[in-house]
Amino acid sequence: MSGDEEALVFFIDSYKKLVFHVAGKLIEDSDDLEDACQEIFIKIYENLGSFKHGCKLSTWIAKISYNHACNLLKKRKKTVSFSKMNFGEKEEIFLDEKSLQNSHKESSLNRQREECNQLVEKCLERLHPVQREIISLYHTENFSYEEISYALSMPLGTVKNYLFRARKNLKDMVLRTQEAANEAC
């Protein structure tokens, strides 16, 4: 393998998670997502010379990924959906005497965490697609407001406003859903 090929493989390995994550928030079908990600990397490769060093490379790649996914959805007239977001880290439990004694408590806590994560995911699916994308970039990818603004081609104030509204809407939906579940019991 030549040096250029090795560099390209390294580049793709370094950014494939970001590309899949950003595009995957908009494209539900796994085959469509895989095809779109390949197209995104081709587009990145072809336009690498136009990258301006005023922003981070990851922000520029996220912008290309987001725009490509949006364009693909417009062409195919598919509705935007939210793929699963990982809320919270999975913990390994090592079994010793103390953990065996606490296993029932931990099992109950894990079950509650999982139920909470599922509730948040369901509520996220009901958010406006742009709000979902901004929450994802901010909380999952750890993008700054400025990076999100650049990636989504939105004014900084709009990004802040959408993130604020998305959090408020998400909180309201979760609380309403919990109240409805409690009333049903």
N, C-alpha and C. Protein backbone atom coordinates (compact mmCIF):
# COMPACT_ATOMS: atom_id res chain seq x y z
N MET A 1 0.85 -1.17 0.00
CA MET A 1 0.00 0.00 0.00
C MET A 1 0.91 1.24 0.00
N SER A 2 0.59 2.20 -0.85
CA SER A 2 1.41 3.41 -0.94
C SER A 2 1.09 4.35 0.21
N GLY A 3 1.93 5.36 0.37
CA GLY A 3 1.75 6.32 1.45
C GLY A 3 0.43 7.07 1.35
N ASP A 4 0.02 7.40 0.11
CA ASP A 4 -1.26 8.10 -0.08
C ASP A 4 -2.44 7.23 0.35
N GLU A 5 -2.38 5.96 -0.02
CA GLU A 5 -3.46 5.04 0.36
C GLU A 5 -3.51 4.86 1.87
N GLU A 6 -2.34 4.75 2.50
CA GLU A 6 -2.30 4.61 3.96
C GLU A 6 -2.86 5.86 4.63
N ALA A 7 -2.51 7.03 4.10
CA ALA A 7 -3.01 8.27 4.66
C ALA A 7 -4.53 8.35 4.52
N LEU A 8 -5.05 7.92 3.38
CA LEU A 8 -6.49 7.94 3.16
C LEU A 8 -7.20 6.99 4.11
N VAL A 9 -6.67 5.80 4.29
CA VAL A 9 -7.25 4.83 5.22
C VAL A 9 -7.23 5.40 6.64
N PHE A 10 -6.13 6.01 7.03
CA PHE A 10 -6.02 6.62 8.36
C PHE A 10 -7.05 7.74 8.51
N PHE A 11 -7.20 8.58 7.49
CA PHE A 11 -8.14 9.69 7.51
C PHE A 11 -9.57 9.17 7.69
N ILE A 12 -9.94 8.16 6.90
CA ILE A 12 -11.29 7.60 6.98
C ILE A 12 -11.51 6.98 8.35
N ASP A 13 -10.56 6.22 8.85
CA ASP A 13 -10.68 5.62 10.18
C ASP A 13 -10.84 6.68 11.26
N SER A 14 -10.17 7.81 11.09
CA SER A 14 -10.22 8.87 12.09
C SER A 14 -11.57 9.58 12.12
N TYR A 15 -12.25 9.67 10.99
CA TYR A 15 -13.47 10.47 10.92
C TYR A 15 -14.74 9.68 10.60
N LYS A 16 -14.64 8.36 10.46
CA LYS A 16 -15.83 7.61 10.08
C LYS A 16 -16.89 7.64 11.18
N LYS A 17 -16.49 7.65 12.42
CA LYS A 17 -17.46 7.70 13.52
C LYS A 17 -18.25 9.01 13.47
N LEU A 18 -17.57 10.12 13.24
CA LEU A 18 -18.24 11.42 13.15
C LEU A 18 -19.20 11.45 11.97
N VAL A 19 -18.75 11.01 10.81
CA VAL A 19 -19.58 11.03 9.62
C VAL A 19 -20.82 10.15 9.82
N PHE A 20 -20.63 8.93 10.34
CA PHE A 20 -21.77 8.04 10.58
C PHE A 20 -22.71 8.63 11.62
N HIS A 21 -22.16 9.28 12.63
CA HIS A 21 -23.00 9.84 13.69
C HIS A 21 -23.86 10.99 13.15
N VAL A 22 -23.23 11.92 12.46
CA VAL A 22 -23.96 13.09 11.96
C VAL A 22 -24.98 12.66 10.90
N ALA A 23 -24.57 11.89 9.94
CA ALA A 23 -25.50 11.45 8.88
C ALA A 23 -26.56 10.50 9.45
N GLY A 24 -26.17 9.70 10.43
CA GLY A 24 -27.08 8.72 11.02
C GLY A 24 -28.21 9.34 11.81
N LYS A 25 -28.07 10.59 12.20
CA LYS A 25 -29.16 11.27 12.89
C LYS A 25 -30.29 11.63 11.93
N LEU A 26 -29.98 11.63 10.66
CA LEU A 26 -30.98 12.00 9.66
C LEU A 26 -31.41 10.83 8.78
N ILE A 27 -30.53 9.88 8.56
CA ILE A 27 -30.81 8.75 7.66
C ILE A 27 -31.02 7.50 8.49
N GLU A 28 -32.21 6.95 8.41
CA GLU A 28 -32.56 5.81 9.25
C GLU A 28 -32.08 4.47 8.70
N ASP A 29 -32.27 4.25 7.41
CA ASP A 29 -31.95 2.97 6.80
C ASP A 29 -30.44 2.74 6.79
N SER A 30 -30.00 1.60 7.31
CA SER A 30 -28.56 1.34 7.44
C SER A 30 -27.86 1.24 6.08
N ASP A 31 -28.53 0.68 5.08
CA ASP A 31 -27.91 0.60 3.75
C ASP A 31 -27.77 1.99 3.14
N ASP A 32 -28.82 2.80 3.28
CA ASP A 32 -28.75 4.18 2.79
C ASP A 32 -27.66 4.95 3.51
N LEU A 33 -27.55 4.72 4.81
CA LEU A 33 -26.54 5.41 5.61
C LEU A 33 -25.14 5.03 5.16
N GLU A 34 -24.92 3.76 4.94
CA GLU A 34 -23.59 3.31 4.50
C GLU A 34 -23.23 3.90 3.14
N ASP A 35 -24.19 3.90 2.23
CA ASP A 35 -23.95 4.50 0.90
C ASP A 35 -23.67 6.00 1.03
N ALA A 36 -24.47 6.66 1.86
CA ALA A 36 -24.30 8.11 2.04
C ALA A 36 -22.93 8.42 2.63
N CYS A 37 -22.48 7.62 3.57
CA CYS A 37 -21.17 7.87 4.19
C CYS A 37 -20.04 7.69 3.18
N GLN A 38 -20.17 6.72 2.30
CA GLN A 38 -19.17 6.56 1.25
C GLN A 38 -19.16 7.77 0.33
N GLU A 39 -20.36 8.24 -0.02
CA GLU A 39 -20.46 9.44 -0.86
C GLU A 39 -19.88 10.66 -0.15
N ILE A 40 -20.10 10.75 1.15
CA ILE A 40 -19.59 11.87 1.94
C ILE A 40 -18.06 11.87 1.92
N PHE A 41 -17.46 10.71 2.10
CA PHE A 41 -16.00 10.65 2.09
C PHE A 41 -15.43 10.99 0.70
N ILE A 42 -16.14 10.61 -0.34
CA ILE A 42 -15.70 11.00 -1.69
C ILE A 42 -15.77 12.51 -1.82
N LYS A 43 -16.87 13.08 -1.35
CA LYS A 43 -17.04 14.54 -1.42
C LYS A 43 -15.96 15.25 -0.60
N ILE A 44 -15.66 14.72 0.58
CA ILE A 44 -14.60 15.31 1.43
C ILE A 44 -13.27 15.26 0.71
N TYR A 45 -12.96 14.10 0.14
CA TYR A 45 -11.68 13.92 -0.56
C TYR A 45 -11.57 14.88 -1.74
N GLU A 46 -12.65 15.01 -2.49
CA GLU A 46 -12.63 15.89 -3.66
C GLU A 46 -12.51 17.37 -3.28
N ASN A 47 -13.01 17.74 -2.10
CA ASN A 47 -13.03 19.14 -1.69
C ASN A 47 -12.01 19.48 -0.60
N LEU A 48 -11.12 18.55 -0.30
CA LEU A 48 -10.14 18.78 0.76
C LEU A 48 -9.30 20.03 0.49
N GLY A 49 -9.04 20.32 -0.77
CA GLY A 49 -8.26 21.50 -1.12
C GLY A 49 -8.97 22.81 -0.79
N SER A 50 -10.30 22.77 -0.65
CA SER A 50 -11.05 23.99 -0.35
C SER A 50 -11.25 24.20 1.15
N PHE A 51 -10.71 23.28 1.97
CA PHE A 51 -10.84 23.42 3.42
C PHE A 51 -10.11 24.68 3.88
N LYS A 52 -10.83 25.51 4.63
CA LYS A 52 -10.24 26.73 5.19
C LYS A 52 -9.83 26.44 6.61
N HIS A 53 -8.64 26.80 6.95
CA HIS A 53 -8.11 26.46 8.27
C HIS A 53 -8.65 27.36 9.38
N GLY A 54 -9.70 28.12 9.10
CA GLY A 54 -10.31 28.97 10.12
C GLY A 54 -11.18 28.19 11.08
N CYS A 55 -11.49 26.94 10.75
CA CYS A 55 -12.29 26.10 11.64
C CYS A 55 -11.61 24.74 11.77
N LYS A 56 -12.13 23.94 12.69
CA LYS A 56 -11.58 22.61 12.87
C LYS A 56 -11.99 21.72 11.70
N LEU A 57 -11.14 20.79 11.36
CA LEU A 57 -11.43 19.85 10.29
C LEU A 57 -12.69 19.04 10.61
N SER A 58 -12.86 18.66 11.86
CA SER A 58 -14.03 17.87 12.24
C SER A 58 -15.32 18.67 12.04
N THR A 59 -15.28 19.97 12.26
CA THR A 59 -16.46 20.81 12.04
C THR A 59 -16.80 20.87 10.56
N TRP A 60 -15.78 21.02 9.74
CA TRP A 60 -15.96 21.07 8.29
C TRP A 60 -16.53 19.74 7.79
N ILE A 61 -16.03 18.64 8.31
CA ILE A 61 -16.51 17.31 7.92
C ILE A 61 -17.95 17.13 8.37
N ALA A 62 -18.29 17.59 9.57
CA ALA A 62 -19.67 17.49 10.06
C ALA A 62 -20.61 18.29 9.17
N LYS A 63 -20.16 19.45 8.73
CA LYS A 63 -20.99 20.29 7.85
C LYS A 63 -21.27 19.56 6.54
N ILE A 64 -20.25 18.99 5.95
CA ILE A 64 -20.43 18.25 4.69
C ILE A 64 -21.37 17.06 4.92
N SER A 65 -21.18 16.36 6.02
CA SER A 65 -22.02 15.19 6.34
C SER A 65 -23.48 15.60 6.51
N TYR A 66 -23.71 16.65 7.26
CA TYR A 66 -25.08 17.11 7.51
C TYR A 66 -25.74 17.56 6.20
N ASN A 67 -25.03 18.38 5.43
CA ASN A 67 -25.60 18.88 4.17
C ASN A 67 -25.90 17.74 3.19
N HIS A 68 -24.99 16.79 3.11
CA HIS A 68 -25.19 15.66 2.20
C HIS A 68 -26.41 14.84 2.63
N ALA A 69 -26.53 14.57 3.92
CA ALA A 69 -27.67 13.80 4.43
C ALA A 69 -28.98 14.54 4.18
N CYS A 70 -29.01 15.84 4.41
CA CYS A 70 -30.21 16.63 4.15
C CYS A 70 -30.57 16.60 2.67
N ASN A 71 -29.58 16.76 1.80
CA ASN A 71 -29.83 16.73 0.37
C ASN A 71 -30.34 15.37 -0.08
N LEU A 72 -29.78 14.32 0.49
CA LEU A 72 -30.22 12.97 0.14
C LEU A 72 -31.68 12.77 0.54
N LEU A 73 -32.04 13.25 1.72
CA LEU A 73 -33.43 13.11 2.17
C LEU A 73 -34.39 13.91 1.29
N LYS A 74 -33.95 15.09 0.89
CA LYS A 74 -34.80 15.90 0.00
C LYS A 74 -35.02 15.19 -1.32
N LYS A 75 -33.95 14.60 -1.86
CA LYS A 75 -34.07 13.89 -3.13
C LYS A 75 -34.99 12.69 -3.02
N ARG A 76 -34.89 11.99 -1.95
CA ARG A 76 -35.67 10.76 -1.78
C ARG A 76 -37.00 11.01 -1.09
N LYS A 77 -37.22 12.23 -0.63
CA LYS A 77 -38.45 12.63 0.04
C LYS A 77 -38.78 11.71 1.21
N LYS A 78 -37.76 11.38 1.98
CA LYS A 78 -37.97 10.57 3.17
C LYS A 78 -38.11 11.50 4.36
N THR A 79 -38.81 11.03 5.36
CA THR A 79 -38.92 11.82 6.57
C THR A 79 -37.66 11.63 7.40
N VAL A 80 -37.33 12.64 8.14
CA VAL A 80 -36.14 12.61 8.99
C VAL A 80 -36.48 11.87 10.27
N SER A 81 -35.60 11.01 10.70
CA SER A 81 -35.82 10.32 11.96
C SER A 81 -34.55 10.34 12.78
N PHE A 82 -34.70 10.03 14.04
CA PHE A 82 -33.58 10.09 14.97
C PHE A 82 -33.13 8.69 15.31
N SER A 83 -31.88 8.38 15.02
CA SER A 83 -31.37 7.07 15.39
C SER A 83 -31.02 7.10 16.87
N LYS A 84 -30.80 5.96 17.43
CA LYS A 84 -30.59 5.87 18.86
C LYS A 84 -29.35 6.63 19.30
N MET A 85 -29.52 7.36 20.38
CA MET A 85 -28.42 8.10 20.97
C MET A 85 -28.03 7.37 22.25
N ASN A 86 -26.78 7.29 22.51
CA ASN A 86 -26.32 6.61 23.72
C ASN A 86 -26.35 7.59 24.88
N PHE A 87 -27.24 7.36 25.82
CA PHE A 87 -27.34 8.20 27.00
C PHE A 87 -26.77 7.43 28.18
N GLY A 88 -25.65 7.87 28.65
CA GLY A 88 -25.03 7.22 29.80
C GLY A 88 -24.13 6.09 29.37
N GLU A 89 -23.15 5.83 30.19
CA GLU A 89 -22.19 4.78 29.86
C GLU A 89 -22.63 3.48 30.49
N LYS A 90 -22.36 2.40 29.81
CA LYS A 90 -22.63 1.08 30.38
C LYS A 90 -21.49 0.73 31.31
N GLU A 91 -21.85 0.23 32.45
CA GLU A 91 -20.83 -0.08 33.45
C GLU A 91 -20.66 -1.59 33.56
N GLU A 92 -19.42 -2.00 33.71
CA GLU A 92 -19.16 -3.41 33.98
C GLU A 92 -19.26 -3.64 35.47
N ILE A 93 -19.91 -4.71 35.86
CA ILE A 93 -20.06 -5.03 37.28
C ILE A 93 -19.22 -6.27 37.55
N PHE A 94 -18.27 -6.12 38.44
CA PHE A 94 -17.43 -7.24 38.81
C PHE A 94 -18.05 -7.92 40.03
N LEU A 95 -18.23 -9.20 39.91
CA LEU A 95 -18.90 -9.93 40.98
C LEU A 95 -17.93 -10.31 42.08
N ASP A 96 -18.10 -9.71 43.21
CA ASP A 96 -17.44 -10.13 44.42
C ASP A 96 -18.52 -10.17 45.49
N GLU A 97 -18.16 -10.40 46.76
CA GLU A 97 -19.19 -10.51 47.80
C GLU A 97 -20.02 -9.25 47.93
N LYS A 98 -19.37 -8.11 47.90
CA LYS A 98 -20.09 -6.86 48.06
C LYS A 98 -21.03 -6.61 46.87
N SER A 99 -20.55 -6.90 45.67
CA SER A 99 -21.41 -6.66 44.51
C SER A 99 -22.58 -7.65 44.47
N LEU A 100 -22.37 -8.88 44.97
CA LEU A 100 -23.47 -9.83 45.03
C LEU A 100 -24.55 -9.34 45.98
N GLN A 101 -24.15 -8.73 47.11
CA GLN A 101 -25.11 -8.21 48.07
C GLN A 101 -25.90 -7.04 47.47
N ASN A 102 -25.21 -6.26 46.65
CA ASN A 102 -25.85 -5.07 46.08
C ASN A 102 -26.43 -5.32 44.68
N SER A 103 -26.36 -6.56 44.21
CA SER A 103 -26.77 -6.82 42.83
C SER A 103 -28.24 -6.50 42.60
N HIS A 104 -29.07 -6.74 43.61
CA HIS A 104 -30.50 -6.43 43.44
C HIS A 104 -30.69 -4.92 43.29
N LYS A 105 -30.01 -4.13 44.12
CA LYS A 105 -30.11 -2.68 44.05
C LYS A 105 -29.59 -2.18 42.70
N GLU A 106 -28.45 -2.71 42.27
CA GLU A 106 -27.86 -2.30 41.00
C GLU A 106 -28.75 -2.69 39.83
N SER A 107 -29.34 -3.87 39.90
CA SER A 107 -30.23 -4.33 38.85
C SER A 107 -31.43 -3.40 38.73
N SER A 108 -31.95 -3.00 39.86
CA SER A 108 -33.08 -2.09 39.88
C SER A 108 -32.68 -0.72 39.32
N LEU A 109 -31.51 -0.23 39.70
CA LEU A 109 -31.02 1.05 39.18
C LEU A 109 -30.76 0.98 37.69
N ASN A 110 -30.16 -0.11 37.23
CA ASN A 110 -29.90 -0.28 35.79
C ASN A 110 -31.20 -0.32 35.00
N ARG A 111 -32.20 -1.00 35.57
CA ARG A 111 -33.50 -1.08 34.91
C ARG A 111 -34.14 0.31 34.84
N GLN A 112 -34.04 1.08 35.93
CA GLN A 112 -34.59 2.44 35.93
C GLN A 112 -33.85 3.33 34.93
N ARG A 113 -32.51 3.20 34.89
CA ARG A 113 -31.72 3.97 33.93
C ARG A 113 -32.13 3.64 32.49
N GLU A 114 -32.30 2.37 32.22
CA GLU A 114 -32.67 1.93 30.87
C GLU A 114 -34.06 2.46 30.51
N GLU A 115 -34.99 2.39 31.45
CA GLU A 115 -36.34 2.92 31.20
C GLU A 115 -36.29 4.42 30.94
N CYS A 116 -35.48 5.12 31.71
CA CYS A 116 -35.32 6.56 31.53
C CYS A 116 -34.71 6.87 30.17
N ASN A 117 -33.68 6.13 29.79
CA ASN A 117 -33.04 6.33 28.48
C ASN A 117 -34.04 6.08 27.35
N GLN A 118 -34.86 5.05 27.48
CA GLN A 118 -35.85 4.75 26.45
C GLN A 118 -36.89 5.87 26.36
N LEU A 119 -37.28 6.40 27.51
CA LEU A 119 -38.24 7.51 27.52
C LEU A 119 -37.65 8.74 26.83
N VAL A 120 -36.40 9.05 27.15
CA VAL A 120 -35.75 10.21 26.54
C VAL A 120 -35.62 9.99 25.03
N GLU A 121 -35.26 8.80 24.61
CA GLU A 121 -35.14 8.50 23.17
C GLU A 121 -36.48 8.70 22.46
N LYS A 122 -37.56 8.21 23.07
CA LYS A 122 -38.88 8.37 22.45
C LYS A 122 -39.25 9.84 22.34
N CYS A 123 -38.93 10.61 23.35
CA CYS A 123 -39.23 12.04 23.32
C CYS A 123 -38.34 12.76 22.31
N LEU A 124 -37.09 12.35 22.20
CA LEU A 124 -36.19 12.95 21.21
C LEU A 124 -36.72 12.74 19.80
N GLU A 125 -37.31 11.59 19.55
CA GLU A 125 -37.85 11.29 18.22
C GLU A 125 -38.95 12.26 17.83
N ARG A 126 -39.62 12.84 18.83
CA ARG A 126 -40.72 13.75 18.55
C ARG A 126 -40.26 15.20 18.39
N LEU A 127 -38.99 15.48 18.67
CA LEU A 127 -38.47 16.82 18.48
C LEU A 127 -38.32 17.15 17.00
N HIS A 128 -38.29 18.41 16.69
CA HIS A 128 -38.03 18.87 15.32
C HIS A 128 -36.65 18.35 14.92
N PRO A 129 -36.47 17.91 13.67
CA PRO A 129 -35.19 17.33 13.24
C PRO A 129 -33.97 18.23 13.49
N VAL A 130 -34.12 19.53 13.29
CA VAL A 130 -32.98 20.42 13.52
C VAL A 130 -32.63 20.47 15.01
N GLN A 131 -33.65 20.46 15.86
CA GLN A 131 -33.39 20.44 17.30
C GLN A 131 -32.68 19.15 17.71
N ARG A 132 -33.11 18.02 17.13
CA ARG A 132 -32.45 16.74 17.42
C ARG A 132 -30.98 16.80 17.02
N GLU A 133 -30.72 17.34 15.83
CA GLU A 133 -29.35 17.39 15.32
C GLU A 133 -28.49 18.28 16.21
N ILE A 134 -29.01 19.41 16.63
CA ILE A 134 -28.24 20.33 17.47
C ILE A 134 -27.97 19.71 18.83
N ILE A 135 -28.97 19.06 19.42
CA ILE A 135 -28.74 18.37 20.70
C ILE A 135 -27.66 17.30 20.53
N SER A 136 -27.74 16.56 19.44
CA SER A 136 -26.77 15.50 19.19
C SER A 136 -25.36 16.06 19.04
N LEU A 137 -25.20 17.10 18.22
CA LEU A 137 -23.87 17.67 18.02
C LEU A 137 -23.33 18.26 19.31
N TYR A 138 -24.18 18.91 20.08
CA TYR A 138 -23.71 19.57 21.30
C TYR A 138 -23.40 18.56 22.41
N HIS A 139 -24.33 17.66 22.66
CA HIS A 139 -24.19 16.76 23.81
C HIS A 139 -23.45 15.47 23.50
N THR A 140 -23.54 14.98 22.29
CA THR A 140 -22.88 13.72 21.96
C THR A 140 -21.51 13.93 21.32
N GLU A 141 -21.44 14.86 20.39
CA GLU A 141 -20.17 15.12 19.70
C GLU A 141 -19.34 16.21 20.37
N ASN A 142 -19.91 16.87 21.38
CA ASN A 142 -19.22 17.93 22.12
C ASN A 142 -18.78 19.09 21.24
N PHE A 143 -19.60 19.42 20.25
CA PHE A 143 -19.33 20.59 19.41
C PHE A 143 -19.67 21.85 20.19
N SER A 144 -18.93 22.91 19.95
CA SER A 144 -19.24 24.21 20.55
C SER A 144 -20.38 24.84 19.76
N TYR A 145 -20.94 25.93 20.30
CA TYR A 145 -21.99 26.64 19.57
C TYR A 145 -21.47 27.10 18.21
N GLU A 146 -20.26 27.61 18.20
CA GLU A 146 -19.66 28.11 16.96
C GLU A 146 -19.50 27.00 15.94
N GLU A 147 -19.06 25.84 16.38
CA GLU A 147 -18.88 24.71 15.47
C GLU A 147 -20.21 24.24 14.90
N ILE A 148 -21.24 24.22 15.74
CA ILE A 148 -22.57 23.83 15.27
C ILE A 148 -23.08 24.86 14.27
N SER A 149 -22.87 26.14 14.59
CA SER A 149 -23.28 27.22 13.70
C SER A 149 -22.66 27.04 12.32
N TYR A 150 -21.38 26.75 12.29
CA TYR A 150 -20.69 26.55 11.02
C TYR A 150 -21.19 25.28 10.32
N ALA A 151 -21.29 24.19 11.07
CA ALA A 151 -21.66 22.90 10.48
C ALA A 151 -23.06 22.92 9.88
N LEU A 152 -23.98 23.64 10.52
CA LEU A 152 -25.36 23.66 10.05
C LEU A 152 -25.71 24.92 9.27
N SER A 153 -24.71 25.77 9.07
CA SER A 153 -24.91 27.04 8.33
C SER A 153 -26.04 27.87 8.94
N MET A 154 -25.98 28.03 10.25
CA MET A 154 -26.98 28.81 10.98
C MET A 154 -26.28 29.90 11.77
N PRO A 155 -26.96 31.01 11.97
CA PRO A 155 -26.39 32.04 12.84
C PRO A 155 -26.21 31.50 14.26
N LEU A 156 -25.22 32.01 14.95
CA LEU A 156 -24.91 31.55 16.30
C LEU A 156 -26.11 31.70 17.23
N GLY A 157 -26.80 32.81 17.15
CA GLY A 157 -27.97 33.04 18.00
C GLY A 157 -29.07 32.02 17.75
N THR A 158 -29.24 31.61 16.51
CA THR A 158 -30.25 30.61 16.16
C THR A 158 -29.88 29.26 16.77
N VAL A 159 -28.60 28.92 16.72
CA VAL A 159 -28.15 27.65 17.32
C VAL A 159 -28.44 27.65 18.82
N LYS A 160 -28.09 28.74 19.49
CA LYS A 160 -28.33 28.83 20.95
C LYS A 160 -29.82 28.76 21.24
N ASN A 161 -30.62 29.46 20.44
CA ASN A 161 -32.06 29.45 20.62
C ASN A 161 -32.63 28.06 20.41
N TYR A 162 -32.23 27.38 19.33
CA TYR A 162 -32.72 26.03 19.06
C TYR A 162 -32.32 25.06 20.17
N LEU A 163 -31.10 25.17 20.66
CA LEU A 163 -30.65 24.27 21.72
C LEU A 163 -31.46 24.52 22.99
N PHE A 164 -31.69 25.79 23.32
CA PHE A 164 -32.49 26.13 24.50
C PHE A 164 -33.91 25.56 24.36
N ARG A 165 -34.52 25.80 23.19
CA ARG A 165 -35.88 25.30 22.96
C ARG A 165 -35.93 23.77 22.96
N ALA A 166 -34.92 23.17 22.35
CA ALA A 166 -34.89 21.70 22.29
C ALA A 166 -34.83 21.11 23.69
N ARG A 167 -33.98 21.67 24.54
CA ARG A 167 -33.89 21.17 25.93
C ARG A 167 -35.20 21.36 26.66
N LYS A 168 -35.81 22.54 26.48
CA LYS A 168 -37.09 22.82 27.15
C LYS A 168 -38.17 21.88 26.64
N ASN A 169 -38.27 21.73 25.32
CA ASN A 169 -39.27 20.83 24.74
C ASN A 169 -39.06 19.40 25.20
N LEU A 170 -37.81 18.96 25.22
CA LEU A 170 -37.50 17.61 25.66
C LEU A 170 -37.90 17.40 27.12
N LYS A 171 -37.56 18.35 27.96
CA LYS A 171 -37.91 18.27 29.38
C LYS A 171 -39.43 18.21 29.56
N ASP A 172 -40.15 19.09 28.85
CA ASP A 172 -41.62 19.11 28.94
C ASP A 172 -42.23 17.79 28.49
N MET A 173 -41.70 17.25 27.38
CA MET A 173 -42.23 15.97 26.88
C MET A 173 -41.99 14.84 27.87
N VAL A 174 -40.78 14.80 28.44
CA VAL A 174 -40.46 13.74 29.40
C VAL A 174 -41.37 13.85 30.62
N LEU A 175 -41.54 15.06 31.14
CA LEU A 175 -42.40 15.25 32.32
C LEU A 175 -43.85 14.87 32.01
N ARG A 176 -44.37 15.30 30.85
CA ARG A 176 -45.76 14.95 30.48
C ARG A 176 -45.92 13.44 30.34
N THR A 177 -44.94 12.81 29.73
CA THR A 177 -45.01 11.35 29.55
C THR A 177 -44.96 10.63 30.88
N GLN A 178 -44.11 11.09 31.78
CA GLN A 178 -44.03 10.49 33.12
C GLN A 178 -45.32 10.70 33.89
N GLU A 179 -45.88 11.90 33.80
CA GLU A 179 -47.15 12.17 34.49
C GLU A 179 -48.25 11.28 33.95
N ALA A 180 -48.32 11.13 32.64
CA ALA A 180 -49.35 10.28 32.04
C ALA A 180 -49.17 8.84 32.47
N ALA A 181 -47.93 8.37 32.57
CA ALA A 181 -47.67 7.00 33.01
C ALA A 181 -48.06 6.83 34.47
N ASN A 182 -47.80 7.83 35.29
CA ASN A 182 -48.15 7.74 36.70
C ASN A 182 -49.67 7.75 36.90
N GLU A 183 -50.38 8.53 36.09
CA GLU A 183 -51.84 8.56 36.18
C GLU A 183 -52.44 7.25 35.74
N ALA A 184 -51.81 6.58 34.79
CA ALA A 184 -52.33 5.31 34.29
C ALA A 184 -52.19 4.19 35.31
N CYS A 185 -51.24 4.34 36.23
CA CYS A 185 -51.01 3.28 37.24
C CYS A 185 -52.03 3.28 38.33
